[in-house]
N, C-alpha and C. Protein backbone atom coordinates (compact mmCIF):
# COMPACT_ATOMS: atom_id res chain seq x y z
N MET A 1 35.42 101.73 98.77
CA MET A 1 36.69 101.42 98.13
C MET A 1 36.93 99.92 98.22
N ALA A 2 37.27 99.31 97.16
CA ALA A 2 37.53 97.88 97.14
C ALA A 2 38.95 97.63 96.64
N VAL A 3 39.54 96.60 97.17
CA VAL A 3 40.87 96.19 96.75
C VAL A 3 40.72 94.80 96.18
N GLY A 4 41.22 94.55 95.01
CA GLY A 4 41.07 93.21 94.48
C GLY A 4 42.09 92.89 93.41
N ASP A 5 42.81 91.86 93.62
CA ASP A 5 43.64 91.24 92.60
C ASP A 5 44.12 89.93 93.19
N GLU A 6 44.69 89.09 92.34
CA GLU A 6 45.10 87.78 92.82
C GLU A 6 46.18 87.87 93.88
N GLY A 7 47.00 88.96 93.87
CA GLY A 7 48.06 89.10 94.86
C GLY A 7 47.53 89.18 96.28
N VAL A 8 46.48 89.95 96.50
CA VAL A 8 45.90 90.08 97.84
C VAL A 8 45.32 88.74 98.29
N GLY A 9 44.52 88.13 97.43
CA GLY A 9 43.93 86.84 97.78
C GLY A 9 44.98 85.78 98.05
N GLU A 10 46.04 85.79 97.25
CA GLU A 10 47.12 84.83 97.44
C GLU A 10 47.81 85.06 98.77
N GLN A 11 48.01 86.32 99.16
CA GLN A 11 48.63 86.62 100.46
C GLN A 11 47.73 86.16 101.60
N VAL A 12 46.44 86.39 101.48
CA VAL A 12 45.50 85.92 102.51
C VAL A 12 45.63 84.40 102.64
N ARG A 13 45.63 83.69 101.50
CA ARG A 13 45.76 82.23 101.54
C ARG A 13 47.07 81.81 102.17
N ARG A 14 48.17 82.46 101.79
CA ARG A 14 49.49 82.10 102.34
C ARG A 14 49.52 82.26 103.86
N TYR A 15 49.05 83.41 104.34
CA TYR A 15 49.07 83.62 105.79
C TYR A 15 48.09 82.68 106.50
N ARG A 16 46.92 82.46 105.90
CA ARG A 16 45.93 81.56 106.52
C ARG A 16 46.49 80.15 106.65
N THR A 17 47.09 79.63 105.58
CA THR A 17 47.60 78.26 105.63
C THR A 17 48.85 78.16 106.51
N ALA A 18 49.66 79.22 106.55
CA ALA A 18 50.82 79.22 107.43
C ALA A 18 50.39 79.15 108.89
N ARG A 19 49.21 79.68 109.20
CA ARG A 19 48.70 79.65 110.57
C ARG A 19 47.79 78.44 110.81
N ARG A 20 47.70 77.59 109.81
CA ARG A 20 46.88 76.36 109.90
C ARG A 20 45.43 76.68 110.25
N MET A 21 44.92 77.72 109.61
CA MET A 21 43.52 78.10 109.82
C MET A 21 42.70 77.65 108.61
N SER A 22 41.52 77.18 108.88
CA SER A 22 40.61 76.85 107.78
C SER A 22 39.94 78.14 107.30
N GLN A 23 39.39 78.09 106.09
CA GLN A 23 38.63 79.24 105.60
C GLN A 23 37.44 79.50 106.50
N ARG A 24 36.83 78.45 106.99
CA ARG A 24 35.66 78.59 107.86
C ARG A 24 36.05 79.30 109.16
N ALA A 25 37.17 78.90 109.78
CA ALA A 25 37.60 79.52 111.04
C ALA A 25 37.96 80.98 110.84
N LEU A 26 38.70 81.28 109.78
CA LEU A 26 39.07 82.67 109.51
C LEU A 26 37.83 83.50 109.20
N GLY A 27 36.95 82.95 108.39
CA GLY A 27 35.73 83.67 108.05
C GLY A 27 34.89 83.99 109.27
N ALA A 28 34.77 83.04 110.19
CA ALA A 28 34.00 83.27 111.42
C ALA A 28 34.62 84.38 112.25
N GLN A 29 35.93 84.42 112.29
CA GLN A 29 36.62 85.44 113.07
C GLN A 29 36.46 86.83 112.45
N VAL A 30 36.39 86.87 111.13
CA VAL A 30 36.35 88.15 110.41
C VAL A 30 34.92 88.60 110.12
N GLY A 31 33.97 87.65 110.10
CA GLY A 31 32.59 88.00 109.79
C GLY A 31 32.26 87.90 108.31
N VAL A 32 32.95 86.98 107.61
CA VAL A 32 32.65 86.71 106.20
C VAL A 32 32.47 85.20 106.04
N THR A 33 31.93 84.79 104.91
CA THR A 33 31.72 83.36 104.69
C THR A 33 32.98 82.70 104.16
N SER A 34 33.06 81.39 104.34
CA SER A 34 34.19 80.65 103.77
C SER A 34 34.12 80.70 102.24
N GLY A 35 32.92 80.78 101.68
CA GLY A 35 32.77 80.91 100.23
C GLY A 35 33.38 82.21 99.72
N PHE A 36 33.15 83.30 100.46
CA PHE A 36 33.75 84.57 100.07
C PHE A 36 35.27 84.47 100.14
N LEU A 37 35.81 83.87 101.20
CA LEU A 37 37.27 83.73 101.31
C LEU A 37 37.83 82.90 100.16
N SER A 38 37.13 81.85 99.80
CA SER A 38 37.58 81.02 98.68
C SER A 38 37.66 81.86 97.41
N GLN A 39 36.63 82.67 97.16
CA GLN A 39 36.62 83.52 95.97
C GLN A 39 37.71 84.59 96.05
N LEU A 40 37.93 85.16 97.22
CA LEU A 40 38.97 86.15 97.39
C LEU A 40 40.35 85.54 97.13
N GLU A 41 40.58 84.36 97.70
CA GLU A 41 41.88 83.71 97.57
C GLU A 41 42.19 83.30 96.12
N THR A 42 41.16 83.06 95.33
CA THR A 42 41.38 82.67 93.93
C THR A 42 41.22 83.84 92.97
N GLY A 43 41.07 85.06 93.51
CA GLY A 43 40.99 86.25 92.68
C GLY A 43 39.66 86.49 92.02
N ARG A 44 38.61 85.79 92.45
CA ARG A 44 37.29 85.95 91.86
C ARG A 44 36.41 86.93 92.63
N ALA A 45 36.92 87.48 93.74
CA ALA A 45 36.16 88.46 94.52
C ALA A 45 37.11 89.53 95.03
N ASN A 46 36.55 90.69 95.30
CA ASN A 46 37.30 91.80 95.87
C ASN A 46 36.90 91.97 97.33
N ALA A 47 37.79 92.54 98.10
CA ALA A 47 37.50 92.81 99.51
C ALA A 47 37.60 94.30 99.76
N SER A 48 36.70 94.81 100.60
CA SER A 48 36.79 96.21 100.98
C SER A 48 38.00 96.39 101.90
N VAL A 49 38.43 97.62 102.03
CA VAL A 49 39.55 97.91 102.92
C VAL A 49 39.19 97.50 104.36
N ALA A 50 37.95 97.72 104.76
CA ALA A 50 37.52 97.34 106.11
C ALA A 50 37.65 95.82 106.32
N THR A 51 37.25 95.05 105.31
CA THR A 51 37.37 93.59 105.40
C THR A 51 38.83 93.18 105.44
N LEU A 52 39.66 93.83 104.61
CA LEU A 52 41.10 93.51 104.63
C LEU A 52 41.72 93.82 105.98
N ARG A 53 41.30 94.90 106.61
CA ARG A 53 41.82 95.23 107.95
C ARG A 53 41.44 94.14 108.95
N ARG A 54 40.20 93.67 108.88
CA ARG A 54 39.76 92.60 109.79
C ARG A 54 40.53 91.31 109.51
N LEU A 55 40.77 91.02 108.22
CA LEU A 55 41.55 89.83 107.86
C LEU A 55 42.98 89.96 108.40
N ALA A 56 43.59 91.12 108.23
CA ALA A 56 44.95 91.33 108.72
C ALA A 56 45.01 91.14 110.24
N ASP A 57 44.04 91.72 110.96
CA ASP A 57 44.01 91.57 112.42
C ASP A 57 43.87 90.10 112.81
N ALA A 58 42.98 89.39 112.14
CA ALA A 58 42.75 87.98 112.47
C ALA A 58 43.97 87.12 112.15
N LEU A 59 44.73 87.52 111.15
CA LEU A 59 45.92 86.76 110.76
C LEU A 59 47.17 87.22 111.51
N GLY A 60 47.05 88.30 112.29
CA GLY A 60 48.18 88.79 113.06
C GLY A 60 49.24 89.47 112.21
N VAL A 61 48.81 90.12 111.13
CA VAL A 61 49.74 90.81 110.24
C VAL A 61 49.23 92.23 110.01
N SER A 62 50.02 93.04 109.31
CA SER A 62 49.58 94.39 108.97
C SER A 62 48.82 94.35 107.65
N LEU A 63 48.07 95.41 107.41
CA LEU A 63 47.37 95.53 106.14
C LEU A 63 48.38 95.51 104.99
N GLY A 64 49.52 96.15 105.19
CA GLY A 64 50.57 96.16 104.18
C GLY A 64 51.06 94.77 103.82
N ASP A 65 51.09 93.85 104.82
CA ASP A 65 51.52 92.48 104.54
C ASP A 65 50.57 91.79 103.57
N LEU A 66 49.29 92.16 103.60
CA LEU A 66 48.32 91.52 102.71
C LEU A 66 48.37 92.08 101.30
N VAL A 67 48.68 93.36 101.18
CA VAL A 67 48.64 93.96 99.84
C VAL A 67 50.00 93.96 99.15
N ALA A 68 51.06 93.62 99.89
CA ALA A 68 52.39 93.56 99.28
C ALA A 68 52.74 92.11 99.00
N PRO A 69 52.91 91.75 97.73
CA PRO A 69 53.24 90.36 97.43
C PRO A 69 54.62 89.99 97.98
N GLY A 70 54.74 88.75 98.31
CA GLY A 70 56.02 88.27 98.81
C GLY A 70 55.82 87.03 99.65
N PRO A 71 56.91 86.43 100.05
CA PRO A 71 56.80 85.20 100.83
C PRO A 71 56.30 85.47 102.25
N VAL A 72 55.63 84.49 102.79
CA VAL A 72 55.19 84.55 104.18
C VAL A 72 56.36 84.10 105.04
N PRO A 73 56.75 84.90 106.03
CA PRO A 73 57.90 84.49 106.85
C PRO A 73 57.62 83.20 107.61
N ALA A 74 58.67 82.41 107.80
CA ALA A 74 58.53 81.14 108.52
C ALA A 74 58.31 81.37 110.00
N GLY A 75 58.82 82.47 110.54
CA GLY A 75 58.68 82.76 111.96
C GLY A 75 58.12 84.15 112.19
N ARG A 76 57.58 84.35 113.35
CA ARG A 76 57.08 85.65 113.75
C ARG A 76 57.84 86.09 114.99
N VAL A 77 58.55 87.18 114.89
CA VAL A 77 59.36 87.68 116.00
C VAL A 77 58.50 88.60 116.86
N VAL A 78 58.60 88.43 118.16
CA VAL A 78 57.97 89.34 119.11
C VAL A 78 59.10 90.00 119.88
N ARG A 79 59.36 91.26 119.59
CA ARG A 79 60.42 91.99 120.26
C ARG A 79 60.02 92.27 121.71
N ALA A 80 60.97 92.14 122.61
CA ALA A 80 60.70 92.34 124.04
C ALA A 80 60.03 93.68 124.30
N ARG A 81 60.47 94.70 123.63
CA ARG A 81 59.92 96.04 123.89
C ARG A 81 58.50 96.21 123.32
N HIS A 82 58.07 95.27 122.46
CA HIS A 82 56.73 95.37 121.87
C HIS A 82 55.76 94.31 122.39
N ARG A 83 56.16 93.57 123.40
CA ARG A 83 55.26 92.54 123.93
C ARG A 83 53.98 93.16 124.47
N ARG A 84 52.87 92.49 124.20
CA ARG A 84 51.60 92.91 124.79
C ARG A 84 51.59 92.51 126.26
N ARG A 85 51.07 93.38 127.09
CA ARG A 85 51.06 93.16 128.54
C ARG A 85 49.62 92.92 128.99
N PHE A 86 49.48 92.00 129.91
CA PHE A 86 48.18 91.67 130.47
C PHE A 86 48.34 91.57 131.98
N SER A 87 47.71 92.48 132.72
CA SER A 87 47.75 92.39 134.18
C SER A 87 46.64 91.45 134.62
N ALA A 88 47.02 90.27 135.06
CA ALA A 88 46.05 89.21 135.34
C ALA A 88 45.30 89.46 136.65
N SER A 89 45.97 89.71 137.72
CA SER A 89 45.33 89.95 139.02
C SER A 89 46.35 90.65 139.90
N GLY A 90 45.97 90.90 141.14
CA GLY A 90 46.85 91.59 142.06
C GLY A 90 48.24 90.97 142.12
N GLY A 91 49.23 91.73 141.68
CA GLY A 91 50.60 91.27 141.79
C GLY A 91 51.08 90.34 140.70
N MET A 92 50.27 90.12 139.65
CA MET A 92 50.69 89.21 138.58
C MET A 92 50.53 89.90 137.23
N VAL A 93 51.58 89.82 136.40
CA VAL A 93 51.55 90.41 135.06
C VAL A 93 52.04 89.36 134.07
N LYS A 94 51.34 89.27 132.93
CA LYS A 94 51.74 88.36 131.84
C LYS A 94 52.15 89.20 130.65
N TRP A 95 53.25 88.80 130.01
CA TRP A 95 53.65 89.39 128.75
C TRP A 95 53.56 88.29 127.70
N PHE A 96 52.89 88.56 126.61
CA PHE A 96 52.72 87.57 125.55
C PHE A 96 54.04 87.37 124.82
N LEU A 97 54.51 86.14 124.75
CA LEU A 97 55.70 85.78 123.99
C LEU A 97 55.34 85.31 122.59
N THR A 98 54.07 85.02 122.38
CA THR A 98 53.55 84.65 121.06
C THR A 98 52.42 85.62 120.73
N GLU A 99 52.21 85.83 119.45
CA GLU A 99 51.15 86.74 119.00
C GLU A 99 50.06 85.95 118.30
N PRO A 100 48.82 86.39 118.43
CA PRO A 100 47.76 85.73 117.70
C PRO A 100 47.93 85.92 116.20
N PRO A 101 47.41 85.08 115.35
CA PRO A 101 46.72 83.88 115.77
C PRO A 101 47.73 82.84 116.21
N HIS A 102 47.41 82.17 117.26
CA HIS A 102 48.30 81.15 117.78
C HIS A 102 48.09 79.86 117.00
N GLY A 103 49.15 79.11 116.83
CA GLY A 103 49.04 77.79 116.24
C GLY A 103 48.67 76.82 117.35
N HIS A 104 49.64 76.07 117.79
CA HIS A 104 49.39 75.06 118.82
C HIS A 104 49.95 75.45 120.17
N VAL A 105 50.64 76.60 120.25
CA VAL A 105 51.30 76.99 121.49
C VAL A 105 51.05 78.47 121.77
N GLU A 106 50.78 78.77 123.03
CA GLU A 106 50.68 80.14 123.50
C GLU A 106 51.62 80.26 124.69
N MET A 107 52.50 81.27 124.67
CA MET A 107 53.50 81.41 125.73
C MET A 107 53.44 82.80 126.35
N TYR A 108 53.72 82.83 127.66
CA TYR A 108 53.78 84.08 128.40
C TYR A 108 55.05 84.13 129.23
N ALA A 109 55.58 85.33 129.41
CA ALA A 109 56.56 85.60 130.46
C ALA A 109 55.73 86.21 131.59
N VAL A 110 55.85 85.66 132.78
CA VAL A 110 54.99 86.06 133.89
C VAL A 110 55.85 86.54 135.06
N THR A 111 55.43 87.64 135.68
CA THR A 111 56.04 88.06 136.94
C THR A 111 54.95 88.05 138.01
N ILE A 112 55.33 87.57 139.18
CA ILE A 112 54.40 87.56 140.31
C ILE A 112 55.12 88.19 141.49
N GLU A 113 54.57 89.30 141.98
CA GLU A 113 55.14 89.97 143.13
C GLU A 113 54.92 89.12 144.38
N PRO A 114 55.69 89.36 145.45
CA PRO A 114 55.42 88.65 146.71
C PRO A 114 53.96 88.85 147.13
N GLY A 115 53.28 87.77 147.43
CA GLY A 115 51.87 87.83 147.80
C GLY A 115 50.92 87.80 146.61
N GLY A 116 51.43 87.93 145.39
CA GLY A 116 50.59 87.91 144.20
C GLY A 116 50.21 86.50 143.80
N SER A 117 49.16 86.38 142.99
CA SER A 117 48.70 85.05 142.58
C SER A 117 47.81 85.16 141.35
N THR A 118 47.35 84.01 140.87
CA THR A 118 46.39 83.98 139.76
C THR A 118 44.99 84.33 140.23
N GLY A 119 44.80 84.47 141.51
CA GLY A 119 43.50 84.82 142.07
C GLY A 119 43.28 84.13 143.39
N PRO A 120 42.19 84.46 144.07
CA PRO A 120 41.96 83.90 145.40
C PRO A 120 41.55 82.43 145.40
N ARG A 121 41.03 81.95 144.28
CA ARG A 121 40.56 80.56 144.20
C ARG A 121 41.16 79.86 142.98
N GLN A 122 41.13 78.54 143.01
CA GLN A 122 41.55 77.76 141.86
C GLN A 122 40.55 77.98 140.72
N TYR A 123 41.02 77.85 139.52
CA TYR A 123 40.15 77.98 138.35
C TYR A 123 40.56 76.93 137.33
N ARG A 124 39.71 76.69 136.37
CA ARG A 124 40.01 75.76 135.28
C ARG A 124 39.45 76.36 134.00
N HIS A 125 40.01 75.92 132.89
CA HIS A 125 39.58 76.45 131.60
C HIS A 125 40.06 75.51 130.50
N GLY A 126 39.22 75.35 129.49
CA GLY A 126 39.61 74.61 128.31
C GLY A 126 40.03 73.17 128.56
N ASP A 127 40.65 72.61 127.56
CA ASP A 127 41.12 71.23 127.63
C ASP A 127 42.48 71.16 126.95
N SER A 128 43.44 71.88 127.52
CA SER A 128 44.78 71.87 126.96
C SER A 128 45.77 71.46 128.03
N GLU A 129 47.03 71.51 127.67
CA GLU A 129 48.10 71.19 128.60
C GLU A 129 48.84 72.48 128.92
N GLU A 130 49.22 72.63 130.18
CA GLU A 130 49.96 73.81 130.59
C GLU A 130 51.30 73.39 131.17
N VAL A 131 52.30 74.21 130.93
CA VAL A 131 53.63 74.00 131.49
C VAL A 131 54.06 75.30 132.13
N ILE A 132 54.56 75.21 133.35
CA ILE A 132 55.12 76.38 134.04
C ILE A 132 56.56 76.07 134.36
N LEU A 133 57.45 76.99 133.98
CA LEU A 133 58.87 76.90 134.29
C LEU A 133 59.22 78.12 135.13
N VAL A 134 59.75 77.89 136.32
CA VAL A 134 60.17 78.99 137.19
C VAL A 134 61.58 79.39 136.78
N THR A 135 61.73 80.62 136.31
CA THR A 135 63.06 81.09 135.89
C THR A 135 63.75 81.91 136.99
N ARG A 136 62.96 82.37 137.97
CA ARG A 136 63.53 83.08 139.12
C ARG A 136 62.53 83.06 140.25
N GLY A 137 63.02 82.77 141.46
CA GLY A 137 62.15 82.82 142.63
C GLY A 137 61.50 81.48 142.95
N HIS A 138 60.39 81.58 143.70
CA HIS A 138 59.65 80.41 144.16
C HIS A 138 58.16 80.67 144.02
N VAL A 139 57.39 79.62 143.69
CA VAL A 139 55.93 79.73 143.64
C VAL A 139 55.30 78.49 144.27
N HIS A 140 54.08 78.69 144.73
CA HIS A 140 53.25 77.62 145.29
C HIS A 140 52.18 77.31 144.24
N VAL A 141 52.11 76.05 143.79
CA VAL A 141 51.15 75.65 142.76
C VAL A 141 50.15 74.69 143.38
N GLU A 142 48.87 75.02 143.27
CA GLU A 142 47.79 74.15 143.73
C GLU A 142 47.13 73.51 142.52
N LEU A 143 47.01 72.19 142.54
CA LEU A 143 46.31 71.43 141.49
C LEU A 143 45.28 70.56 142.19
N GLY A 144 44.05 71.02 142.22
CA GLY A 144 43.03 70.28 142.95
C GLY A 144 43.41 70.20 144.42
N ASP A 145 43.51 68.98 144.95
CA ASP A 145 43.87 68.78 146.36
C ASP A 145 45.38 68.67 146.58
N GLU A 146 46.17 68.77 145.53
CA GLU A 146 47.62 68.64 145.64
C GLU A 146 48.27 70.01 145.60
N ALA A 147 49.44 70.13 146.27
CA ALA A 147 50.18 71.39 146.27
C ALA A 147 51.65 71.10 146.02
N TYR A 148 52.31 72.01 145.31
CA TYR A 148 53.71 71.85 144.95
C TYR A 148 54.45 73.16 145.20
N GLU A 149 55.65 73.06 145.71
CA GLU A 149 56.53 74.22 145.87
C GLU A 149 57.58 74.12 144.77
N LEU A 150 57.65 75.14 143.92
CA LEU A 150 58.60 75.15 142.82
C LEU A 150 59.60 76.28 143.00
N GLY A 151 60.88 75.97 142.74
CA GLY A 151 61.94 76.97 142.80
C GLY A 151 62.55 77.18 141.43
N THR A 152 63.53 78.05 141.39
CA THR A 152 64.21 78.37 140.13
C THR A 152 64.66 77.10 139.41
N GLY A 153 64.27 76.99 138.15
CA GLY A 153 64.63 75.83 137.33
C GLY A 153 63.61 74.71 137.37
N ASP A 154 62.69 74.73 138.33
CA ASP A 154 61.66 73.69 138.41
C ASP A 154 60.54 73.97 137.42
N SER A 155 59.88 72.90 136.97
CA SER A 155 58.75 73.04 136.07
C SER A 155 57.67 72.05 136.46
N ILE A 156 56.46 72.32 135.99
CA ILE A 156 55.32 71.44 136.24
C ILE A 156 54.44 71.46 135.00
N VAL A 157 53.82 70.32 134.71
CA VAL A 157 52.89 70.22 133.58
C VAL A 157 51.57 69.66 134.12
N PHE A 158 50.45 70.20 133.62
CA PHE A 158 49.14 69.76 134.09
C PHE A 158 48.08 70.10 133.05
N ALA A 159 46.92 69.48 133.17
CA ALA A 159 45.80 69.76 132.28
C ALA A 159 45.09 71.03 132.75
N SER A 160 44.76 71.92 131.81
CA SER A 160 44.09 73.17 132.17
C SER A 160 42.69 72.92 132.73
N SER A 161 42.15 71.74 132.51
CA SER A 161 40.85 71.40 133.07
C SER A 161 40.94 71.03 134.55
N THR A 162 42.16 70.88 135.08
CA THR A 162 42.37 70.63 136.51
C THR A 162 42.28 71.97 137.24
N PRO A 163 41.47 72.06 138.30
CA PRO A 163 41.44 73.32 139.05
C PRO A 163 42.86 73.66 139.51
N HIS A 164 43.28 74.90 139.26
CA HIS A 164 44.65 75.28 139.60
C HIS A 164 44.74 76.73 140.05
N ARG A 165 45.81 76.98 140.78
CA ARG A 165 46.12 78.32 141.28
C ARG A 165 47.62 78.39 141.49
N VAL A 166 48.22 79.53 141.15
CA VAL A 166 49.65 79.74 141.34
C VAL A 166 49.82 81.00 142.19
N ALA A 167 50.65 80.91 143.22
CA ALA A 167 50.87 82.04 144.12
C ALA A 167 52.33 82.18 144.46
N ASN A 168 52.75 83.41 144.69
CA ASN A 168 54.10 83.67 145.16
C ASN A 168 54.01 83.92 146.66
N THR A 169 54.44 82.94 147.45
CA THR A 169 54.40 83.06 148.91
C THR A 169 55.76 83.44 149.48
N ALA A 170 56.72 83.71 148.61
CA ALA A 170 58.07 84.07 149.05
C ALA A 170 58.18 85.59 149.26
N ASP A 171 59.34 86.02 149.73
CA ASP A 171 59.59 87.44 149.99
C ASP A 171 60.18 88.18 148.80
N GLU A 172 60.43 87.46 147.71
CA GLU A 172 60.98 88.09 146.51
C GLU A 172 60.08 87.79 145.31
N GLY A 173 60.21 88.60 144.27
CA GLY A 173 59.42 88.39 143.07
C GLY A 173 59.78 87.08 142.38
N ALA A 174 58.82 86.55 141.64
CA ALA A 174 59.05 85.32 140.88
C ALA A 174 58.84 85.61 139.40
N GLU A 175 59.60 84.91 138.56
CA GLU A 175 59.44 85.01 137.11
C GLU A 175 59.23 83.62 136.55
N LEU A 176 58.27 83.51 135.64
CA LEU A 176 57.89 82.22 135.07
C LEU A 176 57.80 82.32 133.55
N VAL A 177 57.96 81.19 132.90
CA VAL A 177 57.53 81.02 131.52
C VAL A 177 56.34 80.08 131.60
N TRP A 178 55.21 80.50 131.03
CA TRP A 178 53.96 79.75 131.13
C TRP A 178 53.49 79.43 129.72
N VAL A 179 53.22 78.16 129.45
CA VAL A 179 52.85 77.71 128.11
C VAL A 179 51.50 77.00 128.15
N ASN A 180 50.63 77.33 127.21
CA ASN A 180 49.37 76.60 127.01
C ASN A 180 49.43 75.98 125.63
N SER A 181 49.12 74.68 125.55
CA SER A 181 49.12 74.01 124.27
C SER A 181 47.97 73.00 124.21
N PRO A 182 47.02 73.18 123.32
CA PRO A 182 46.83 74.35 122.48
C PRO A 182 46.32 75.52 123.31
N PRO A 183 46.35 76.75 122.76
CA PRO A 183 45.87 77.91 123.49
C PRO A 183 44.42 77.73 123.91
N THR A 184 44.09 78.25 125.08
CA THR A 184 42.72 78.19 125.57
C THR A 184 42.34 79.56 126.11
N PRO A 185 41.07 79.89 126.06
CA PRO A 185 40.64 81.14 126.68
C PRO A 185 40.76 81.01 128.20
N GLU A 186 41.13 82.07 128.86
CA GLU A 186 41.30 82.02 130.32
C GLU A 186 40.07 82.47 131.02
């Protein structure tokens, strides 16, 4: 089964450009060539339903969003009850505040139970900037040979390439907003 008309291709282009993705980047994520995407976006090629599903997933939209003509929304709402959850390590949980595909910012709401942490050792990843804002409680942040104690309302910014570890050494749970810009794999 193939789906093809200028409306579908135009929607793919609208969502792709709204997410600041190149045809090459989207094609690599979906498993098609940038040439095929160019032809799809200009109405000169058809896409199978399977390909459209992969495109929708990569663009962070539903299949219906691609086949229904209309404007691309300026914002993407993530409802609290629908946040994706990621249990990072013992005593730490991240909830995604942004949905893929990410532009230049990836945000999490994080809870760390007493004694919980990002892991037993410092780690590093990517080459982005990270910001942590403590919204409740206290955390111990290690950056290489330096250590910081942060309380409610305190924030810290650092390069993700710096070895780091965050731990809750207090007797109560901690809540954080954690931002990576640009997003990096962990």
